[in-house]
C-alpha atoms as a PDB file:
ATOM      1  CA  UNK A   1       3.225   8.084  23.083  1.00  0.00           C
ATOM      2  CA  UNK A   2       5.885   9.861  20.907  1.00  0.00           C
ATOM      3  CA  UNK A   3       4.271  10.790  17.957  1.00  0.00           C
ATOM      4  CA  UNK A   4       6.037  12.321  15.049  1.00  0.00           C
ATOM      5  CA  UNK A   5       4.363  14.049  12.223  1.00  0.00           C
ATOM      6  CA  UNK A   6       5.859  15.390   9.076  1.00  0.00           C
ATOM      7  CA  UNK A   7       4.551  16.803   5.451  1.00  0.00           C
ATOM      8  CA  UNK A   8       6.062  15.703   2.529  1.00  0.00           C
ATOM      9  CA  UNK A   9       5.903  16.567  -0.694  1.00  0.00           C
ATOM     10  CA  UNK A  10       7.072  14.349  -4.085  1.00  0.00           C
ATOM     11  CA  UNK A  11       6.833  14.925  -7.858  1.00  0.00           C
ATOM     12  CA  UNK A  12       4.562  12.965  -9.838  1.00  0.00           C
ATOM     13  CA  UNK A  13       5.248  10.841 -12.708  1.00  0.00           C
ATOM     14  CA  UNK A  14       5.037  14.324 -14.776  1.00  0.00           C
ATOM     15  CA  UNK A  15       6.735  17.359 -12.723  1.00  0.00           C
ATOM     16  CA  UNK A  16       3.745  19.174 -12.142  1.00  0.00           C
ATOM     17  CA  UNK A  17       2.084  16.306 -10.559  1.00  0.00           C
ATOM     18  CA  UNK A  18       2.889  17.240  -6.142  1.00  0.00           C
ATOM     19  CA  UNK A  19       1.511  14.344  -4.340  1.00  0.00           C
ATOM     20  CA  UNK A  20       1.266  15.347  -0.170  1.00  0.00           C
ATOM     21  CA  UNK A  21       1.899  12.877   2.036  1.00  0.00           C
ATOM     22  CA  UNK A  22       1.944  13.069   5.830  1.00  0.00           C
ATOM     23  CA  UNK A  23       3.814  10.836   7.235  1.00  0.00           C
ATOM     24  CA  UNK A  24       3.521   9.743  10.839  1.00  0.00           C
ATOM     25  CA  UNK A  25       5.267   7.443  13.193  1.00  0.00           C
ATOM     26  CA  UNK A  26       3.550   6.086  17.140  1.00  0.00           C
ATOM     27  CA  UNK A  27       6.182   5.455  19.396  1.00  0.00           C
ATOM     28  CA  UNK A  28       4.579   3.339  22.643  1.00  0.00           C
ATOM     29  CA  UNK A  29       6.461   4.317  25.965  1.00  0.00           C
ATOM     30  CA  UNK A  30       7.563   0.660  27.911  1.00  0.00           C
ATOM     31  CA  UNK A  31       3.554   0.971  29.824  1.00  0.00           C
ATOM     32  CA  UNK A  32       1.865   1.002  27.165  1.00  0.00           C
ATOM     33  CA  UNK A  33       3.127  -1.862  24.737  1.00  0.00           C
ATOM     34  CA  UNK A  34       2.655  -3.569  27.783  1.00  0.00           C
ATOM     35  CA  UNK A  35      -1.191  -2.571  28.434  1.00  0.00           C
ATOM     36  CA  UNK A  36      -1.667  -3.633  24.903  1.00  0.00           C
ATOM     37  CA  UNK A  37       0.328  -7.010  25.537  1.00  0.00           C
ATOM     38  CA  UNK A  38      -1.344  -7.914  29.004  1.00  0.00           C
ATOM     39  CA  UNK A  39      -5.103  -6.347  27.883  1.00  0.00           C
ATOM     40  CA  UNK A  40      -4.669  -8.272  24.064  1.00  0.00           C
ATOM     41  CA  UNK A  41      -5.090  -4.765  22.307  1.00  0.00           C
ATOM     42  CA  UNK A  42      -3.053  -5.443  19.128  1.00  0.00           C
ATOM     43  CA  UNK A  43      -6.361  -5.978  16.965  1.00  0.00           C
ATOM     44  CA  UNK A  44      -7.489  -2.398  17.958  1.00  0.00           C
ATOM     45  CA  UNK A  45      -6.833  -0.119  15.370  1.00  0.00           C
ATOM     46  CA  UNK A  46      -7.062   3.358  13.853  1.00  0.00           C
ATOM     47  CA  UNK A  47      -8.313   4.226  10.080  1.00  0.00           C
ATOM     48  CA  UNK A  48      -6.803   7.182   8.723  1.00  0.00           C
ATOM     49  CA  UNK A  49      -6.930   8.274   4.442  1.00  0.00           C
ATOM     50  CA  UNK A  50      -4.860   5.958   1.604  1.00  0.00           C
ATOM     51  CA  UNK A  51      -0.663   5.452   1.330  1.00  0.00           C
ATOM     52  CA  UNK A  52      -0.937   5.633  -2.614  1.00  0.00           C
ATOM     53  CA  UNK A  53      -3.022   8.153  -4.771  1.00  0.00           C
ATOM     54  CA  UNK A  54      -6.399   6.714  -6.835  1.00  0.00           C
ATOM     55  CA  UNK A  55      -5.480   5.564  -9.846  1.00  0.00           C
ATOM     56  CA  UNK A  56      -5.882   6.033 -12.432  1.00  0.00           C
ATOM     57  CA  UNK A  57      -8.408   5.015 -15.338  1.00  0.00           C
ATOM     58  CA  UNK A  58      -5.717   3.959 -17.581  1.00  0.00           C
ATOM     59  CA  UNK A  59      -3.853   2.323 -15.433  1.00  0.00           C
ATOM     60  CA  UNK A  60      -6.609   0.008 -14.754  1.00  0.00           C
ATOM     61  CA  UNK A  61      -7.428  -0.540 -18.764  1.00  0.00           C
ATOM     62  CA  UNK A  62      -2.802  -0.676 -19.231  1.00  0.00           C
ATOM     63  CA  UNK A  63      -3.420  -4.017 -16.383  1.00  0.00           C
ATOM     64  CA  UNK A  64      -6.111  -6.079 -18.489  1.00  0.00           C
ATOM     65  CA  UNK A  65      -3.709  -4.819 -21.614  1.00  0.00           C
ATOM     66  CA  UNK A  66      -0.323  -6.185 -20.790  1.00  0.00           C
ATOM     67  CA  UNK A  67      -2.084  -9.580 -19.389  1.00  0.00           C
ATOM     68  CA  UNK A  68      -4.053  -9.999 -22.421  1.00  0.00           C
ATOM     69  CA  UNK A  69      -1.728  -8.796 -25.337  1.00  0.00           C
ATOM     70  CA  UNK A  70       1.161 -11.483 -23.094  1.00  0.00           C
ATOM     71  CA  UNK A  71      -0.175 -14.279 -25.389  1.00  0.00           C
ATOM     72  CA  UNK A  72      -0.759 -13.402 -28.480  1.00  0.00           C
ATOM     73  CA  UNK A  73       3.197 -11.688 -28.085  1.00  0.00           C
ATOM     74  CA  UNK A  74       4.070 -15.836 -26.719  1.00  0.00           C
ATOM     75  CA  UNK A  75       2.090 -16.890 -30.222  1.00  0.00           C
ATOM     76  CA  UNK A  76       3.711 -13.796 -32.950  1.00  0.00           C
ATOM     77  CA  UNK A  77       7.629 -15.031 -31.239  1.00  0.00           C
ATOM     78  CA  UNK A  78       7.178 -18.770 -31.449  1.00  0.00           C
ATOM     79  CA  UNK A  79       5.777 -18.261 -35.179  1.00  0.00           C
ATOM     80  CA  UNK A  80       7.602 -15.408 -36.679  1.00  0.00           C
ATOM     81  CA  UNK A  81      10.903 -18.384 -34.544  1.00  0.00           C
ATOM     82  CA  UNK A  82       9.456 -20.982 -36.404  1.00  0.00           C
ATOM     83  CA  UNK A  83       9.447 -19.602 -39.415  1.00  0.00           C
ATOM     84  CA  UNK A  84      13.145 -18.468 -39.407  1.00  0.00           C
ATOM     85  CA  UNK A  85      14.835 -22.451 -38.590  1.00  0.00           C
ATOM     86  CA  UNK A  86      12.300 -23.010 -41.070  1.00  0.00           C
ATOM     87  CA  UNK A  87      14.102 -20.489 -43.697  1.00  0.00           C
ATOM     88  CA  UNK A  88      17.269 -21.847 -42.866  1.00  0.00           C
ATOM     89  CA  UNK A  89      18.077 -18.758 -39.668  1.00  0.00           C
ATOM     90  CA  UNK A  90      17.995 -21.340 -36.628  1.00  0.00           C
ATOM     91  CA  UNK A  91      20.059 -18.962 -34.963  1.00  0.00           C
ATOM     92  CA  UNK A  92      17.183 -16.300 -35.768  1.00  0.00           C
ATOM     93  CA  UNK A  93      14.467 -18.003 -35.132  1.00  0.00           C
ATOM     94  CA  UNK A  94      16.197 -19.128 -32.013  1.00  0.00           C
ATOM     95  CA  UNK A  95      16.595 -14.981 -30.493  1.00  0.00           C
ATOM     96  CA  UNK A  96      13.035 -14.435 -31.758  1.00  0.00           C
ATOM     97  CA  UNK A  97      11.638 -17.591 -29.936  1.00  0.00           C
ATOM     98  CA  UNK A  98      13.273 -16.295 -26.668  1.00  0.00           C
ATOM     99  CA  UNK A  99      13.013 -12.444 -27.070  1.00  0.00           C
ATOM    100  CA  UNK A 100       8.537 -13.290 -27.375  1.00  0.00           C
ATOM    101  CA  UNK A 101       9.563 -15.796 -24.260  1.00  0.00           C
ATOM    102  CA  UNK A 102      10.400 -13.628 -21.875  1.00  0.00           C
ATOM    103  CA  UNK A 103       8.641 -10.685 -23.240  1.00  0.00           C
ATOM    104  CA  UNK A 104       5.569 -12.390 -23.033  1.00  0.00           C
ATOM    105  CA  UNK A 105       6.613 -13.000 -18.530  1.00  0.00           C
ATOM    106  CA  UNK A 106       6.904  -9.629 -18.486  1.00  0.00           C
ATOM    107  CA  UNK A 107       4.063  -7.728 -19.742  1.00  0.00           C
ATOM    108  CA  UNK A 108       1.936 -11.047 -17.964  1.00  0.00           C
ATOM    109  CA  UNK A 109       3.598 -10.714 -14.513  1.00  0.00           C
ATOM    110  CA  UNK A 110       3.420  -6.711 -14.987  1.00  0.00           C
ATOM    111  CA  UNK A 111       0.187  -6.846 -16.112  1.00  0.00           C
ATOM    112  CA  UNK A 112      -0.870  -8.678 -12.504  1.00  0.00           C
ATOM    113  CA  UNK A 113       1.562  -6.435 -10.702  1.00  0.00           C
ATOM    114  CA  UNK A 114      -0.050  -3.244 -11.521  1.00  0.00           C
ATOM    115  CA  UNK A 115      -3.530  -4.743 -10.980  1.00  0.00           C
ATOM    116  CA  UNK A 116      -2.307  -5.595  -7.445  1.00  0.00           C
ATOM    117  CA  UNK A 117      -1.165  -1.636  -7.323  1.00  0.00           C
ATOM    118  CA  UNK A 118      -4.905  -0.516  -8.329  1.00  0.00           C
ATOM    119  CA  UNK A 119      -6.717  -2.989  -5.757  1.00  0.00           C
ATOM    120  CA  UNK A 120      -4.344  -1.348  -2.787  1.00  0.00           C
ATOM    121  CA  UNK A 121      -4.973   2.245  -4.788  1.00  0.00           C
ATOM    122  CA  UNK A 122      -8.424   1.970  -4.799  1.00  0.00           C
ATOM    123  CA  UNK A 123      -8.840   0.955  -1.576  1.00  0.00           C
ATOM    124  CA  UNK A 124     -10.079   4.833   0.156  1.00  0.00           C
ATOM    125  CA  UNK A 125      -8.692   4.667   3.768  1.00  0.00           C
ATOM    126  CA  UNK A 126      -6.268   2.007   5.367  1.00  0.00           C
ATOM    127  CA  UNK A 127      -6.363   0.590   9.050  1.00  0.00           C
ATOM    128  CA  UNK A 128      -2.907   0.226  10.692  1.00  0.00           C
ATOM    129  CA  UNK A 129      -3.209  -1.797  13.836  1.00  0.00           C
ATOM    130  CA  UNK A 130      -2.175  -1.389  17.325  1.00  0.00           C
ATOM    131  CA  UNK A 131       0.643  -5.189  16.578  1.00  0.00           C
ATOM    132  CA  UNK A 132       1.514  -3.310  13.668  1.00  0.00           C
ATOM    133  CA  UNK A 133       2.358  -0.388  15.116  1.00  0.00           C
ATOM    134  CA  UNK A 134       4.314  -2.015  17.813  1.00  0.00           C
ATOM    135  CA  UNK A 135       6.650  -4.253  15.317  1.00  0.00           C
ATOM    136  CA  UNK A 136       6.615  -0.964  12.340  1.00  0.00           C
ATOM    137  CA  UNK A 137       5.785   2.308  14.241  1.00  0.00           C
ATOM    138  CA  UNK A 138       5.634   4.667  11.645  1.00  0.00           C
ATOM    139  CA  UNK A 139       2.723   4.757   8.299  1.00  0.00           C
ATOM    140  CA  UNK A 140       1.998   7.200   5.770  1.00  0.00           C
ATOM    141  CA  UNK A 141      -1.293   9.192   4.271  1.00  0.00           C
ATOM    142  CA  UNK A 142      -1.331  10.520   1.059  1.00  0.00           C
ATOM    143  CA  UNK A 143      -3.186  13.361   0.827  1.00  0.00           C
ATOM    144  CA  UNK A 144      -4.912  15.600  -2.530  1.00  0.00           C
ATOM    145  CA  UNK A 145      -3.702  18.590  -1.810  1.00  0.00           C
ATOM    146  CA  UNK A 146      -1.216  20.255   1.002  1.00  0.00           C
ATOM    147  CA  UNK A 147      -4.952  22.022   2.260  1.00  0.00           C
ATOM    148  CA  UNK A 148      -6.507  18.518   3.091  1.00  0.00           C
ATOM    149  CA  UNK A 149      -2.667  16.736   4.595  1.00  0.00           C
ATOM    150  CA  UNK A 150      -2.855  20.370   7.578  1.00  0.00           C
ATOM    151  CA  UNK A 151      -6.841  18.330   8.113  1.00  0.00           C
ATOM    152  CA  UNK A 152      -5.172  15.184   7.632  1.00  0.00           C
ATOM    153  CA  UNK A 153      -2.563  16.464  10.204  1.00  0.00           C
ATOM    154  CA  UNK A 154      -5.578  17.296  12.844  1.00  0.00           C
ATOM    155  CA  UNK A 155      -7.433  14.488  11.813  1.00  0.00           C
ATOM    156  CA  UNK A 156      -4.628  12.081  12.708  1.00  0.00           C
ATOM    157  CA  UNK A 157      -3.742  14.483  16.572  1.00  0.00           C
ATOM    158  CA  UNK A 158      -6.831  13.748  17.640  1.00  0.00           C
ATOM    159  CA  UNK A 159      -7.477   9.733  16.798  1.00  0.00           C
ATOM    160  CA  UNK A 160      -3.868   9.387  18.045  1.00  0.00           C
ATOM    161  CA  UNK A 161      -5.365  11.295  21.495  1.00  0.00           C
ATOM    162  CA  UNK A 162      -8.381   9.005  21.572  1.00  0.00           C
ATOM    163  CA  UNK A 163      -6.014   5.992  21.236  1.00  0.00           C
ATOM    164  CA  UNK A 164      -4.112   7.783  24.062  1.00  0.00           C
ATOM    165  CA  UNK A 165      -7.091   7.948  26.295  1.00  0.00           C
ATOM    166  CA  UNK A 166      -8.031   4.722  25.888  1.00  0.00           C
ATOM    167  CA  UNK A 167      -4.787   2.914  26.359  1.00  0.00           C
ATOM    168  CA  UNK A 168      -4.888   5.065  29.841  1.00  0.00           C
ATOM    169  CA  UNK A 169      -8.164   2.897  30.654  1.00  0.00           C
ATOM    170  CA  UNK A 170      -7.527  -0.163  29.360  1.00  0.00           C
ATOM    171  CA  UNK A 171      -4.561   0.240  32.326  1.00  0.00           C
ATOM    172  CA  UNK A 172      -6.473  -1.019  35.583  1.00  0.00           C
ATOM    173  CA  UNK A 173      -9.010  -3.327  36.114  1.00  0.00           C
ATOM    174  CA  UNK A 174     -11.656  -2.130  37.456  1.00  0.00           C
ATOM    175  CA  UNK A 175     -12.026  -3.086  41.211  1.00  0.00           C
ATOM    176  CA  UNK A 176     -15.525  -5.302  42.141  1.00  0.00           C
ATOM    177  CA  UNK A 177     -18.088  -3.761  44.146  1.00  0.00           C
ATOM    178  CA  UNK A 178     -21.372  -3.818  46.248  1.00  0.00           C
ATOM    179  CA  UNK A 179     -23.826  -1.552  46.124  1.00  0.00           C
ATOM    180  CA  UNK A 180     -27.994  -1.472  46.871  1.00  0.00           C
ATOM    181  CA  UNK A 181     -30.285  -0.575  44.029  1.00  0.00           C
END
C-alpha cells in the first residue's frame, strides 16, 4: 500500500478566512487488491473527518428563504407582466413574466442545492469504503486549523496502518487443526 498525504490551505469566501485540508491518496498493491476482491472486503471502511467545512447558520436560513420566495417572485412577475400586457406593452409584459419565471426557477433550484450542501456539511465524519478506494483512491478531510490537520494526519497514518495489517491477516485462510482439550 502506498499512501500520499498532503496538507493544503485554501482561501475561504473572505480573504481572511483560511480553510485547511488534508488530502490523502491510497494506492493498493496488486496483492492487496486481490485480497480485497478474493475475501469480499470492499464493504470494509475507514472513518475520517468531513470533507467540507461545517455550514454556517446563514446557509440553512438562506436555503429556506430561496425556496420560500421563489413562488412569490414567479407570482409577482406574472402579475406585473399581465398588467403590462393589459396596459398595452405586450413585449415588456412577456419579458417581465419570462424573466421572473427563470429567476424563480433559479432561486428554487439554488435553494435545493444549498440545502443538500448543508446536509452534507453537517455530517461530522465521512465513511470511505475499500471498494471506493479501489476505484477512486483520493479523498480529502477538512481540518479546523493547521494543528487539527497535523492531528488528522497522525490519525490517518494510524488508521491506514491498521487497514494494511487487516489486509495481511486476511491474506491466508487458517488451516484446519485438530486438538484435544
